[in-house]
């Protein structure tokens, strides 16, 4: 019985609220707001997934790893050469102490110069990688913007920031990934050489 009374009471309150809204001019404003919300289409994009899955980032990553490997190999070869040079320097017992100190000083300068050279090469490689990565991200952002405009989407949210969405059709990640791969198909990666 209590439940029935509660149900009747809630219906009466609802009817009074509707009568109030009909008599009040606020209803028009509420309808405008709700229509406005419906007209704002929302899209979801997985930016990280596109970058990770894109051919451009895979190409960039492989190129970076190849160049880093080349630098590491050159360092390894130079280390072998310097160790042999150091052993030769220490084994020359016919040098006076001052000659030995001078040769050791020159050797240390050479080691420092070589270390600086490879440190600079790595810095140039990292800087080039970051610049290309930024250009790729900027291009992806522009593609997302173009697609959202073509689809009349007013708001694009990153998938990682969305707790829940029930309509999978608002996720246009795969469409953007395909366009992004097509636009970057003939991309060439140029790494600046150290000066």
N, C-alpha and C. Protein backbone atom coordinates (compact mmCIF):
# COMPACT_ATOMS: atom_id res chain seq x y z
N UNK A 1 0.83 -1.18 0.00
CA UNK A 1 0.00 0.00 0.00
C UNK A 1 0.87 1.25 0.00
N UNK A 2 1.92 1.22 0.79
CA UNK A 2 2.82 2.38 0.85
C UNK A 2 3.42 2.67 -0.52
N UNK A 3 3.83 1.62 -1.22
CA UNK A 3 4.43 1.77 -2.55
C UNK A 3 3.44 2.42 -3.52
N UNK A 4 2.16 1.98 -3.47
CA UNK A 4 1.13 2.53 -4.35
C UNK A 4 0.93 4.01 -4.06
N UNK A 5 0.88 4.38 -2.77
CA UNK A 5 0.72 5.79 -2.38
C UNK A 5 1.90 6.63 -2.87
N UNK A 6 3.09 6.07 -2.76
CA UNK A 6 4.30 6.76 -3.21
C UNK A 6 4.27 6.98 -4.72
N UNK A 7 3.80 5.98 -5.45
CA UNK A 7 3.71 6.07 -6.90
C UNK A 7 2.71 7.15 -7.32
N UNK A 8 1.56 7.18 -6.69
CA UNK A 8 0.54 8.20 -6.99
C UNK A 8 1.08 9.58 -6.65
N UNK A 9 1.74 9.69 -5.52
CA UNK A 9 2.32 10.97 -5.11
C UNK A 9 3.35 11.46 -6.11
N UNK A 10 4.22 10.57 -6.61
CA UNK A 10 5.24 10.98 -7.58
C UNK A 10 4.62 11.38 -8.91
N UNK A 11 3.51 10.71 -9.30
CA UNK A 11 2.83 11.08 -10.55
C UNK A 11 2.22 12.47 -10.40
N UNK A 12 1.62 12.75 -9.26
CA UNK A 12 1.04 14.08 -9.02
C UNK A 12 2.12 15.16 -9.06
N UNK A 13 3.24 14.88 -8.47
CA UNK A 13 4.35 15.86 -8.48
C UNK A 13 4.83 16.07 -9.91
N UNK A 14 4.98 14.98 -10.67
CA UNK A 14 5.40 15.09 -12.08
C UNK A 14 4.42 15.92 -12.88
N UNK A 15 3.12 15.67 -12.68
CA UNK A 15 2.10 16.44 -13.41
C UNK A 15 2.13 17.91 -13.03
N UNK A 16 2.34 18.19 -11.76
CA UNK A 16 2.43 19.59 -11.32
C UNK A 16 3.68 20.24 -11.94
N UNK A 17 4.79 19.50 -12.03
CA UNK A 17 6.01 20.03 -12.62
C UNK A 17 5.80 20.35 -14.10
N UNK A 18 5.10 19.46 -14.81
CA UNK A 18 4.83 19.68 -16.23
C UNK A 18 3.93 20.90 -16.40
N UNK A 19 2.85 21.01 -15.54
CA UNK A 19 1.99 22.20 -15.60
C UNK A 19 2.80 23.46 -15.35
N UNK A 20 3.69 23.38 -14.37
CA UNK A 20 4.52 24.54 -14.05
C UNK A 20 5.40 24.91 -15.24
N UNK A 21 5.98 23.91 -15.87
CA UNK A 21 6.86 24.17 -17.02
C UNK A 21 6.07 24.75 -18.19
N UNK A 22 4.82 24.26 -18.37
CA UNK A 22 4.00 24.79 -19.46
C UNK A 22 3.66 26.26 -19.24
N UNK A 23 3.45 26.61 -18.00
CA UNK A 23 3.08 28.00 -17.69
C UNK A 23 4.30 28.90 -17.63
N UNK A 24 5.45 28.32 -17.44
CA UNK A 24 6.66 29.11 -17.22
C UNK A 24 7.46 29.23 -18.52
N UNK A 25 8.08 30.34 -18.74
CA UNK A 25 8.87 30.57 -19.96
C UNK A 25 10.22 29.86 -19.93
N UNK A 26 10.64 29.32 -18.82
CA UNK A 26 11.93 28.62 -18.72
C UNK A 26 11.95 27.37 -19.59
N UNK A 27 10.77 26.83 -19.87
CA UNK A 27 10.71 25.60 -20.67
C UNK A 27 11.38 25.81 -22.02
N UNK A 28 11.14 26.95 -22.62
CA UNK A 28 11.73 27.23 -23.93
C UNK A 28 13.25 27.21 -23.84
N UNK A 29 13.78 27.79 -22.78
CA UNK A 29 15.24 27.80 -22.60
C UNK A 29 15.79 26.40 -22.39
N UNK A 30 15.09 25.59 -21.62
CA UNK A 30 15.53 24.22 -21.37
C UNK A 30 15.51 23.44 -22.67
N UNK A 31 14.46 23.60 -23.47
CA UNK A 31 14.39 22.91 -24.76
C UNK A 31 15.52 23.37 -25.67
N UNK A 32 15.84 24.65 -25.65
CA UNK A 32 16.93 25.15 -26.48
C UNK A 32 18.25 24.51 -26.07
N UNK A 33 18.46 24.41 -24.77
CA UNK A 33 19.70 23.80 -24.27
C UNK A 33 19.76 22.34 -24.68
N UNK A 34 18.65 21.59 -24.50
CA UNK A 34 18.69 20.17 -24.85
C UNK A 34 18.85 19.97 -26.34
N UNK A 35 18.23 20.81 -27.17
CA UNK A 35 18.43 20.71 -28.62
C UNK A 35 19.86 21.03 -28.99
N UNK A 36 20.43 22.00 -28.32
CA UNK A 36 21.82 22.39 -28.58
C UNK A 36 22.76 21.23 -28.25
N UNK A 37 22.51 20.54 -27.16
CA UNK A 37 23.35 19.40 -26.78
C UNK A 37 23.25 18.31 -27.84
N UNK A 38 22.03 18.06 -28.34
CA UNK A 38 21.84 17.02 -29.36
C UNK A 38 22.55 17.38 -30.66
N UNK A 39 22.64 18.66 -30.97
CA UNK A 39 23.28 19.09 -32.21
C UNK A 39 24.80 19.08 -32.14
N UNK A 40 25.36 19.02 -30.96
CA UNK A 40 26.81 18.96 -30.81
C UNK A 40 27.24 17.50 -30.89
N UNK A 41 27.71 17.12 -32.07
CA UNK A 41 28.18 15.75 -32.24
C UNK A 41 29.54 15.58 -31.59
N UNK A 42 29.71 14.44 -30.98
CA UNK A 42 30.96 14.14 -30.27
C UNK A 42 31.64 12.97 -30.98
N UNK A 43 32.97 13.05 -31.08
CA UNK A 43 33.75 11.97 -31.65
C UNK A 43 34.83 11.53 -30.68
N UNK A 44 35.21 10.29 -30.79
CA UNK A 44 36.26 9.71 -29.93
C UNK A 44 37.42 9.30 -30.84
N UNK A 45 38.65 9.58 -30.39
CA UNK A 45 39.84 9.22 -31.16
C UNK A 45 40.89 8.65 -30.20
N UNK A 46 41.55 7.60 -30.63
CA UNK A 46 42.62 7.01 -29.84
C UNK A 46 43.95 7.44 -30.47
N UNK A 47 44.43 8.61 -30.06
CA UNK A 47 45.62 9.25 -30.62
C UNK A 47 46.85 8.36 -30.44
N UNK A 48 47.03 7.83 -29.24
CA UNK A 48 48.20 6.98 -28.96
C UNK A 48 48.20 5.71 -29.80
N UNK A 49 47.03 5.11 -29.93
CA UNK A 49 46.92 3.89 -30.74
C UNK A 49 47.31 4.17 -32.18
N UNK A 50 46.84 5.29 -32.71
CA UNK A 50 47.16 5.63 -34.11
C UNK A 50 48.67 5.80 -34.26
N UNK A 51 49.28 6.54 -33.35
CA UNK A 51 50.73 6.74 -33.44
C UNK A 51 51.48 5.41 -33.35
N UNK A 52 51.08 4.60 -32.39
CA UNK A 52 51.76 3.32 -32.17
C UNK A 52 51.58 2.38 -33.35
N UNK A 53 50.41 2.40 -33.97
CA UNK A 53 50.09 1.48 -35.05
C UNK A 53 50.46 2.00 -36.43
N UNK A 54 50.74 3.28 -36.52
CA UNK A 54 50.96 3.88 -37.84
C UNK A 54 52.28 3.42 -38.46
N UNK A 55 52.26 3.34 -39.77
CA UNK A 55 53.47 2.97 -40.51
C UNK A 55 54.57 4.02 -40.33
N UNK A 56 54.17 5.29 -40.24
CA UNK A 56 55.15 6.38 -40.10
C UNK A 56 55.95 6.24 -38.81
N UNK A 57 55.27 5.97 -37.69
CA UNK A 57 55.99 5.84 -36.41
C UNK A 57 56.84 4.56 -36.37
N UNK A 58 56.35 3.51 -37.01
CA UNK A 58 57.15 2.28 -37.07
C UNK A 58 58.41 2.53 -37.88
N UNK A 59 58.26 3.22 -39.00
CA UNK A 59 59.41 3.57 -39.85
C UNK A 59 60.40 4.45 -39.09
N UNK A 60 59.86 5.46 -38.41
CA UNK A 60 60.70 6.36 -37.64
C UNK A 60 61.44 5.61 -36.53
N UNK A 61 60.72 4.75 -35.82
CA UNK A 61 61.34 3.97 -34.74
C UNK A 61 62.45 3.06 -35.25
N UNK A 62 62.19 2.40 -36.38
CA UNK A 62 63.21 1.51 -36.97
C UNK A 62 64.43 2.29 -37.43
N UNK A 63 64.19 3.44 -38.04
CA UNK A 63 65.30 4.28 -38.52
C UNK A 63 66.13 4.76 -37.32
N UNK A 64 65.46 5.18 -36.27
CA UNK A 64 66.15 5.64 -35.06
C UNK A 64 67.01 4.53 -34.47
N UNK A 65 66.43 3.34 -34.35
CA UNK A 65 67.17 2.21 -33.78
C UNK A 65 68.38 1.84 -34.64
N UNK A 66 68.21 1.89 -35.97
CA UNK A 66 69.32 1.59 -36.88
C UNK A 66 70.45 2.59 -36.71
N UNK A 67 70.10 3.87 -36.67
CA UNK A 67 71.14 4.91 -36.52
C UNK A 67 71.81 4.83 -35.15
N UNK A 68 71.02 4.55 -34.12
CA UNK A 68 71.59 4.41 -32.78
C UNK A 68 72.54 3.21 -32.73
N UNK A 69 72.18 2.14 -33.40
CA UNK A 69 73.03 0.95 -33.47
C UNK A 69 74.35 1.28 -34.17
N UNK A 70 74.27 2.06 -35.26
CA UNK A 70 75.48 2.47 -35.98
C UNK A 70 76.40 3.29 -35.08
N UNK A 71 75.82 4.22 -34.34
CA UNK A 71 76.63 5.03 -33.41
C UNK A 71 77.28 4.13 -32.37
N UNK A 72 76.49 3.21 -31.80
CA UNK A 72 77.03 2.29 -30.78
C UNK A 72 78.16 1.43 -31.34
N UNK A 73 78.02 1.00 -32.58
CA UNK A 73 79.07 0.19 -33.22
C UNK A 73 80.34 1.00 -33.42
N UNK A 74 80.19 2.26 -33.86
CA UNK A 74 81.36 3.13 -34.03
C UNK A 74 82.06 3.38 -32.68
N UNK A 75 81.26 3.56 -31.64
CA UNK A 75 81.83 3.77 -30.30
C UNK A 75 82.59 2.52 -29.87
N UNK A 76 82.00 1.37 -30.10
CA UNK A 76 82.65 0.12 -29.71
C UNK A 76 83.99 -0.05 -30.42
N UNK A 77 84.01 0.23 -31.73
CA UNK A 77 85.25 0.12 -32.51
C UNK A 77 86.29 1.12 -32.00
N UNK A 78 85.84 2.32 -31.70
CA UNK A 78 86.76 3.35 -31.21
C UNK A 78 87.31 2.98 -29.83
N UNK A 79 86.46 2.36 -28.99
CA UNK A 79 86.91 1.92 -27.67
C UNK A 79 88.01 0.87 -27.79
N UNK A 80 87.83 -0.06 -28.72
CA UNK A 80 88.86 -1.09 -28.95
C UNK A 80 90.17 -0.44 -29.37
N UNK A 81 90.08 0.51 -30.30
CA UNK A 81 91.27 1.24 -30.77
C UNK A 81 91.94 1.99 -29.62
N UNK A 82 91.14 2.66 -28.78
CA UNK A 82 91.71 3.44 -27.68
C UNK A 82 92.32 2.54 -26.61
N UNK A 83 91.74 1.39 -26.35
CA UNK A 83 92.32 0.45 -25.37
C UNK A 83 93.68 -0.05 -25.85
N UNK A 84 93.76 -0.35 -27.14
CA UNK A 84 95.05 -0.79 -27.70
C UNK A 84 96.08 0.34 -27.60
N UNK A 85 95.65 1.54 -27.90
CA UNK A 85 96.54 2.68 -27.83
C UNK A 85 97.02 2.91 -26.39
N UNK A 86 96.10 2.75 -25.44
CA UNK A 86 96.45 2.92 -24.03
C UNK A 86 97.44 1.84 -23.59
N UNK A 87 97.21 0.60 -24.00
CA UNK A 87 98.12 -0.49 -23.66
C UNK A 87 99.51 -0.25 -24.26
N UNK A 88 99.55 0.21 -25.49
CA UNK A 88 100.84 0.54 -26.12
C UNK A 88 101.55 1.65 -25.36
N UNK A 89 100.80 2.62 -24.93
CA UNK A 89 101.37 3.74 -24.19
C UNK A 89 101.96 3.26 -22.86
N UNK A 90 101.27 2.39 -22.16
CA UNK A 90 101.74 1.89 -20.86
C UNK A 90 102.90 0.91 -20.99
N UNK A 91 102.94 0.21 -22.11
CA UNK A 91 103.99 -0.80 -22.28
C UNK A 91 105.33 -0.22 -22.72
N UNK A 92 105.34 1.02 -23.14
CA UNK A 92 106.61 1.63 -23.58
C UNK A 92 107.42 2.05 -22.35
N UNK A 93 108.30 1.17 -21.99
CA UNK A 93 109.11 1.42 -20.79
C UNK A 93 110.30 2.33 -21.09
N UNK A 94 110.60 2.57 -22.35
CA UNK A 94 111.76 3.41 -22.68
C UNK A 94 111.43 4.91 -22.62
N UNK A 95 110.18 5.28 -22.24
CA UNK A 95 109.81 6.69 -22.12
C UNK A 95 110.21 7.22 -20.75
N UNK A 96 110.63 8.47 -20.76
CA UNK A 96 110.87 9.12 -19.46
C UNK A 96 109.50 9.42 -18.84
N UNK A 97 109.54 9.74 -17.57
CA UNK A 97 108.28 10.01 -16.89
C UNK A 97 107.57 11.22 -17.47
N UNK A 98 108.30 12.28 -17.81
CA UNK A 98 107.69 13.49 -18.39
C UNK A 98 107.12 13.19 -19.79
N UNK A 99 107.83 12.36 -20.59
CA UNK A 99 107.31 11.99 -21.91
C UNK A 99 106.02 11.18 -21.76
N UNK A 100 106.07 10.27 -20.79
CA UNK A 100 104.88 9.43 -20.53
C UNK A 100 103.68 10.31 -20.12
N UNK A 101 103.91 11.27 -19.22
CA UNK A 101 102.84 12.15 -18.75
C UNK A 101 102.28 12.98 -19.91
N UNK A 102 103.16 13.48 -20.78
CA UNK A 102 102.72 14.26 -21.94
C UNK A 102 101.88 13.41 -22.88
N UNK A 103 102.36 12.18 -23.17
CA UNK A 103 101.61 11.29 -24.07
C UNK A 103 100.28 10.89 -23.44
N UNK A 104 100.28 10.68 -22.12
CA UNK A 104 99.05 10.34 -21.41
C UNK A 104 98.06 11.51 -21.46
N UNK A 105 98.58 12.72 -21.31
CA UNK A 105 97.75 13.93 -21.38
C UNK A 105 97.13 14.06 -22.77
N UNK A 106 97.92 13.83 -23.81
CA UNK A 106 97.41 13.89 -25.19
C UNK A 106 96.37 12.78 -25.44
N UNK A 107 96.64 11.62 -24.87
CA UNK A 107 95.72 10.50 -25.02
C UNK A 107 94.37 10.83 -24.36
N UNK A 108 94.41 11.40 -23.16
CA UNK A 108 93.17 11.77 -22.46
C UNK A 108 92.39 12.83 -23.23
N UNK A 109 93.11 13.78 -23.86
CA UNK A 109 92.46 14.80 -24.70
C UNK A 109 91.75 14.14 -25.87
N UNK A 110 92.44 13.17 -26.49
CA UNK A 110 91.86 12.46 -27.62
C UNK A 110 90.60 11.69 -27.20
N UNK A 111 90.66 11.03 -26.04
CA UNK A 111 89.51 10.28 -25.52
C UNK A 111 88.35 11.24 -25.27
N UNK A 112 88.64 12.39 -24.64
CA UNK A 112 87.60 13.37 -24.36
C UNK A 112 86.97 13.89 -25.66
N UNK A 113 87.80 14.16 -26.66
CA UNK A 113 87.33 14.66 -27.95
C UNK A 113 86.40 13.64 -28.62
N UNK A 114 86.80 12.37 -28.56
CA UNK A 114 85.99 11.31 -29.16
C UNK A 114 84.66 11.15 -28.41
N UNK A 115 84.72 11.20 -27.08
CA UNK A 115 83.50 11.09 -26.28
C UNK A 115 82.53 12.24 -26.61
N UNK A 116 83.08 13.43 -26.75
CA UNK A 116 82.26 14.60 -27.08
C UNK A 116 81.63 14.43 -28.46
N UNK A 117 82.40 13.93 -29.40
CA UNK A 117 81.90 13.74 -30.76
C UNK A 117 80.69 12.80 -30.76
N UNK A 118 80.80 11.67 -30.06
CA UNK A 118 79.69 10.71 -30.05
C UNK A 118 78.51 11.22 -29.22
N UNK A 119 78.80 11.98 -28.18
CA UNK A 119 77.72 12.59 -27.39
C UNK A 119 76.95 13.57 -28.27
N UNK A 120 77.68 14.36 -29.07
CA UNK A 120 77.03 15.31 -29.99
C UNK A 120 76.22 14.58 -31.06
N UNK A 121 76.75 13.47 -31.57
CA UNK A 121 76.02 12.69 -32.58
C UNK A 121 74.70 12.19 -32.01
N UNK A 122 74.74 11.68 -30.79
CA UNK A 122 73.52 11.19 -30.14
C UNK A 122 72.53 12.32 -29.90
N UNK A 123 73.04 13.48 -29.49
CA UNK A 123 72.17 14.63 -29.25
C UNK A 123 71.47 15.05 -30.54
N UNK A 124 72.21 15.07 -31.64
CA UNK A 124 71.63 15.43 -32.94
C UNK A 124 70.58 14.40 -33.34
N UNK A 125 70.89 13.13 -33.14
CA UNK A 125 69.95 12.07 -33.47
C UNK A 125 68.67 12.22 -32.65
N UNK A 126 68.80 12.43 -31.34
CA UNK A 126 67.63 12.59 -30.47
C UNK A 126 66.81 13.82 -30.85
N UNK A 127 67.50 14.92 -31.14
CA UNK A 127 66.81 16.16 -31.51
C UNK A 127 66.06 15.97 -32.83
N UNK A 128 66.70 15.34 -33.80
CA UNK A 128 66.05 15.07 -35.09
C UNK A 128 64.84 14.17 -34.90
N UNK A 129 64.99 13.14 -34.08
CA UNK A 129 63.90 12.21 -33.81
C UNK A 129 62.72 12.96 -33.19
N UNK A 130 62.99 13.82 -32.20
CA UNK A 130 61.92 14.57 -31.55
C UNK A 130 61.23 15.53 -32.51
N UNK A 131 62.00 16.16 -33.39
CA UNK A 131 61.43 17.09 -34.37
C UNK A 131 60.52 16.34 -35.34
N UNK A 132 60.98 15.21 -35.87
CA UNK A 132 60.18 14.42 -36.80
C UNK A 132 58.92 13.90 -36.09
N UNK A 133 59.09 13.47 -34.85
CA UNK A 133 57.96 12.98 -34.08
C UNK A 133 56.91 14.08 -33.88
N UNK A 134 57.37 15.29 -33.61
CA UNK A 134 56.45 16.43 -33.45
C UNK A 134 55.72 16.71 -34.76
N UNK A 135 56.46 16.69 -35.88
CA UNK A 135 55.84 16.92 -37.19
C UNK A 135 54.78 15.86 -37.49
N UNK A 136 55.07 14.61 -37.13
CA UNK A 136 54.12 13.52 -37.36
C UNK A 136 52.87 13.73 -36.50
N UNK A 137 53.06 14.11 -35.25
CA UNK A 137 51.92 14.36 -34.36
C UNK A 137 51.08 15.53 -34.86
N UNK A 138 51.74 16.58 -35.34
CA UNK A 138 51.03 17.74 -35.88
C UNK A 138 50.20 17.34 -37.11
N UNK A 139 50.78 16.53 -37.98
CA UNK A 139 50.07 16.06 -39.16
C UNK A 139 48.85 15.23 -38.75
N UNK A 140 49.04 14.36 -37.78
CA UNK A 140 47.93 13.54 -37.28
C UNK A 140 46.82 14.42 -36.71
N UNK A 141 47.19 15.42 -35.94
CA UNK A 141 46.19 16.34 -35.36
C UNK A 141 45.41 17.04 -36.46
N UNK A 142 46.09 17.44 -37.53
CA UNK A 142 45.42 18.11 -38.65
C UNK A 142 44.46 17.16 -39.36
N UNK A 143 44.86 15.91 -39.53
CA UNK A 143 43.98 14.92 -40.17
C UNK A 143 42.74 14.69 -39.31
N UNK A 144 42.93 14.59 -38.00
CA UNK A 144 41.79 14.42 -37.09
C UNK A 144 40.85 15.61 -37.22
N UNK A 145 41.41 16.81 -37.27
CA UNK A 145 40.58 18.01 -37.40
C UNK A 145 39.80 17.98 -38.72
N UNK A 146 40.47 17.65 -39.82
CA UNK A 146 39.81 17.60 -41.13
C UNK A 146 38.68 16.57 -41.15
N UNK A 147 38.93 15.39 -40.61
CA UNK A 147 37.91 14.35 -40.58
C UNK A 147 36.74 14.79 -39.71
N UNK A 148 37.03 15.39 -38.57
CA UNK A 148 35.94 15.82 -37.67
C UNK A 148 35.08 16.90 -38.34
N UNK A 149 35.70 17.79 -39.10
CA UNK A 149 34.94 18.81 -39.81
C UNK A 149 34.07 18.16 -40.89
N UNK A 150 34.63 17.22 -41.64
CA UNK A 150 33.86 16.52 -42.68
C UNK A 150 32.68 15.74 -42.10
N UNK A 151 32.83 15.23 -40.88
CA UNK A 151 31.78 14.45 -40.24
C UNK A 151 30.85 15.33 -39.39
N UNK A 152 31.06 16.65 -39.42
CA UNK A 152 30.28 17.60 -38.60
C UNK A 152 30.38 17.29 -37.11
N UNK A 153 31.56 16.89 -36.68
CA UNK A 153 31.80 16.62 -35.27
C UNK A 153 32.33 17.91 -34.64
N UNK A 154 31.67 18.33 -33.57
CA UNK A 154 32.05 19.59 -32.92
C UNK A 154 33.05 19.40 -31.79
N UNK A 155 33.04 18.22 -31.18
CA UNK A 155 33.92 17.95 -30.05
C UNK A 155 34.59 16.59 -30.27
N UNK A 156 35.92 16.57 -30.18
CA UNK A 156 36.67 15.32 -30.29
C UNK A 156 37.36 15.07 -28.95
N UNK A 157 37.11 13.91 -28.38
CA UNK A 157 37.71 13.54 -27.10
C UNK A 157 38.72 12.43 -27.30
N UNK A 158 39.79 12.48 -26.52
CA UNK A 158 40.77 11.40 -26.54
C UNK A 158 40.17 10.19 -25.83
N UNK A 159 40.30 9.04 -26.43
CA UNK A 159 39.71 7.82 -25.88
C UNK A 159 40.22 7.55 -24.46
N UNK A 160 41.49 7.86 -24.21
CA UNK A 160 42.06 7.61 -22.89
C UNK A 160 41.41 8.46 -21.79
N UNK A 161 40.73 9.55 -22.18
CA UNK A 161 40.09 10.43 -21.20
C UNK A 161 38.59 10.17 -21.07
N UNK A 162 38.07 9.19 -21.79
CA UNK A 162 36.65 8.89 -21.77
C UNK A 162 36.43 7.65 -20.90
N UNK A 163 35.56 7.80 -19.94
CA UNK A 163 35.27 6.68 -19.04
C UNK A 163 34.41 5.63 -19.72
N UNK A 164 33.39 6.08 -20.45
CA UNK A 164 32.45 5.15 -21.05
C UNK A 164 31.81 5.80 -22.25
N UNK A 165 31.68 5.06 -23.33
CA UNK A 165 30.83 5.50 -24.43
C UNK A 165 30.14 4.27 -25.00
N UNK A 166 28.85 4.40 -25.24
CA UNK A 166 28.04 3.25 -25.63
C UNK A 166 27.84 3.12 -27.13
N UNK A 167 28.12 4.16 -27.86
CA UNK A 167 27.91 4.14 -29.30
C UNK A 167 29.27 4.09 -29.98
N UNK A 168 29.63 2.92 -30.48
CA UNK A 168 30.94 2.73 -31.11
C UNK A 168 31.10 3.55 -32.39
N UNK A 169 30.00 4.00 -32.96
CA UNK A 169 30.09 4.75 -34.21
C UNK A 169 30.73 6.12 -34.02
N UNK A 170 30.83 6.60 -32.78
CA UNK A 170 31.47 7.90 -32.56
C UNK A 170 32.99 7.78 -32.51
N UNK A 171 33.50 6.55 -32.47
CA UNK A 171 34.95 6.33 -32.48
C UNK A 171 35.40 6.24 -33.94
N UNK A 172 36.18 7.23 -34.39
CA UNK A 172 36.63 7.23 -35.78
C UNK A 172 38.14 7.03 -35.89
N UNK A 173 38.71 6.30 -34.94
CA UNK A 173 40.14 6.02 -34.88
C UNK A 173 40.64 5.29 -36.12
N UNK A 174 39.97 4.22 -36.51
CA UNK A 174 40.45 3.41 -37.64
C UNK A 174 40.42 4.19 -38.95
N UNK A 175 39.41 5.02 -39.12
CA UNK A 175 39.32 5.85 -40.33
C UNK A 175 40.52 6.80 -40.41
N UNK A 176 40.85 7.42 -39.28
CA UNK A 176 41.97 8.36 -39.24
C UNK A 176 43.29 7.62 -39.43
N UNK A 177 43.43 6.44 -38.84
CA UNK A 177 44.65 5.65 -39.00
C UNK A 177 44.89 5.34 -40.48
N UNK A 178 43.84 4.95 -41.18
CA UNK A 178 43.97 4.63 -42.60
C UNK A 178 44.38 5.87 -43.41
N UNK A 179 43.74 7.00 -43.14
CA UNK A 179 44.10 8.25 -43.83
C UNK A 179 45.53 8.67 -43.51
N UNK A 180 45.90 8.53 -42.24
CA UNK A 180 47.24 8.92 -41.79
C UNK A 180 48.30 8.06 -42.47
N UNK A 181 48.05 6.75 -42.56
CA UNK A 181 48.99 5.85 -43.25
C UNK A 181 49.12 6.21 -44.72
N UNK A 182 48.01 6.57 -45.35
CA UNK A 182 48.05 6.97 -46.76
C UNK A 182 48.83 8.26 -46.97
N UNK A 183 48.63 9.23 -46.06
CA UNK A 183 49.32 10.52 -46.20
C UNK A 183 50.81 10.41 -45.93
N UNK A 184 51.21 9.46 -45.11
CA UNK A 184 52.62 9.34 -44.74
C UNK A 184 53.31 8.20 -45.50
N UNK A 185 52.63 7.63 -46.49
CA UNK A 185 53.16 6.48 -47.23
C UNK A 185 54.51 6.77 -47.87
N UNK A 186 54.64 7.95 -48.45
CA UNK A 186 55.89 8.28 -49.16
C UNK A 186 56.82 9.16 -48.32
N UNK A 187 56.60 9.16 -47.01
CA UNK A 187 57.40 9.98 -46.12
C UNK A 187 58.86 9.52 -46.08
N UNK A 188 59.76 10.47 -46.14
CA UNK A 188 61.20 10.18 -46.04
C UNK A 188 61.69 10.77 -44.70
N UNK A 189 62.52 10.02 -44.03
CA UNK A 189 63.06 10.47 -42.75
C UNK A 189 64.49 10.90 -42.96
N UNK A 190 64.74 12.16 -42.67
CA UNK A 190 66.09 12.72 -42.84
C UNK A 190 66.59 13.15 -41.46
N UNK A 191 67.73 12.59 -41.08
CA UNK A 191 68.34 12.92 -39.80
C UNK A 191 69.47 13.90 -40.07
N UNK A 192 69.46 15.01 -39.37
CA UNK A 192 70.53 15.99 -39.53
C UNK A 192 71.84 15.42 -39.03
N UNK A 193 72.90 15.70 -39.77
CA UNK A 193 74.21 15.20 -39.33
C UNK A 193 74.86 16.25 -38.43
N UNK A 194 75.69 15.81 -37.49
CA UNK A 194 76.35 16.76 -36.58
C UNK A 194 77.31 17.66 -37.33
N UNK A 195 77.42 18.87 -36.83
CA UNK A 195 78.30 19.84 -37.48
C UNK A 195 79.68 19.78 -36.93
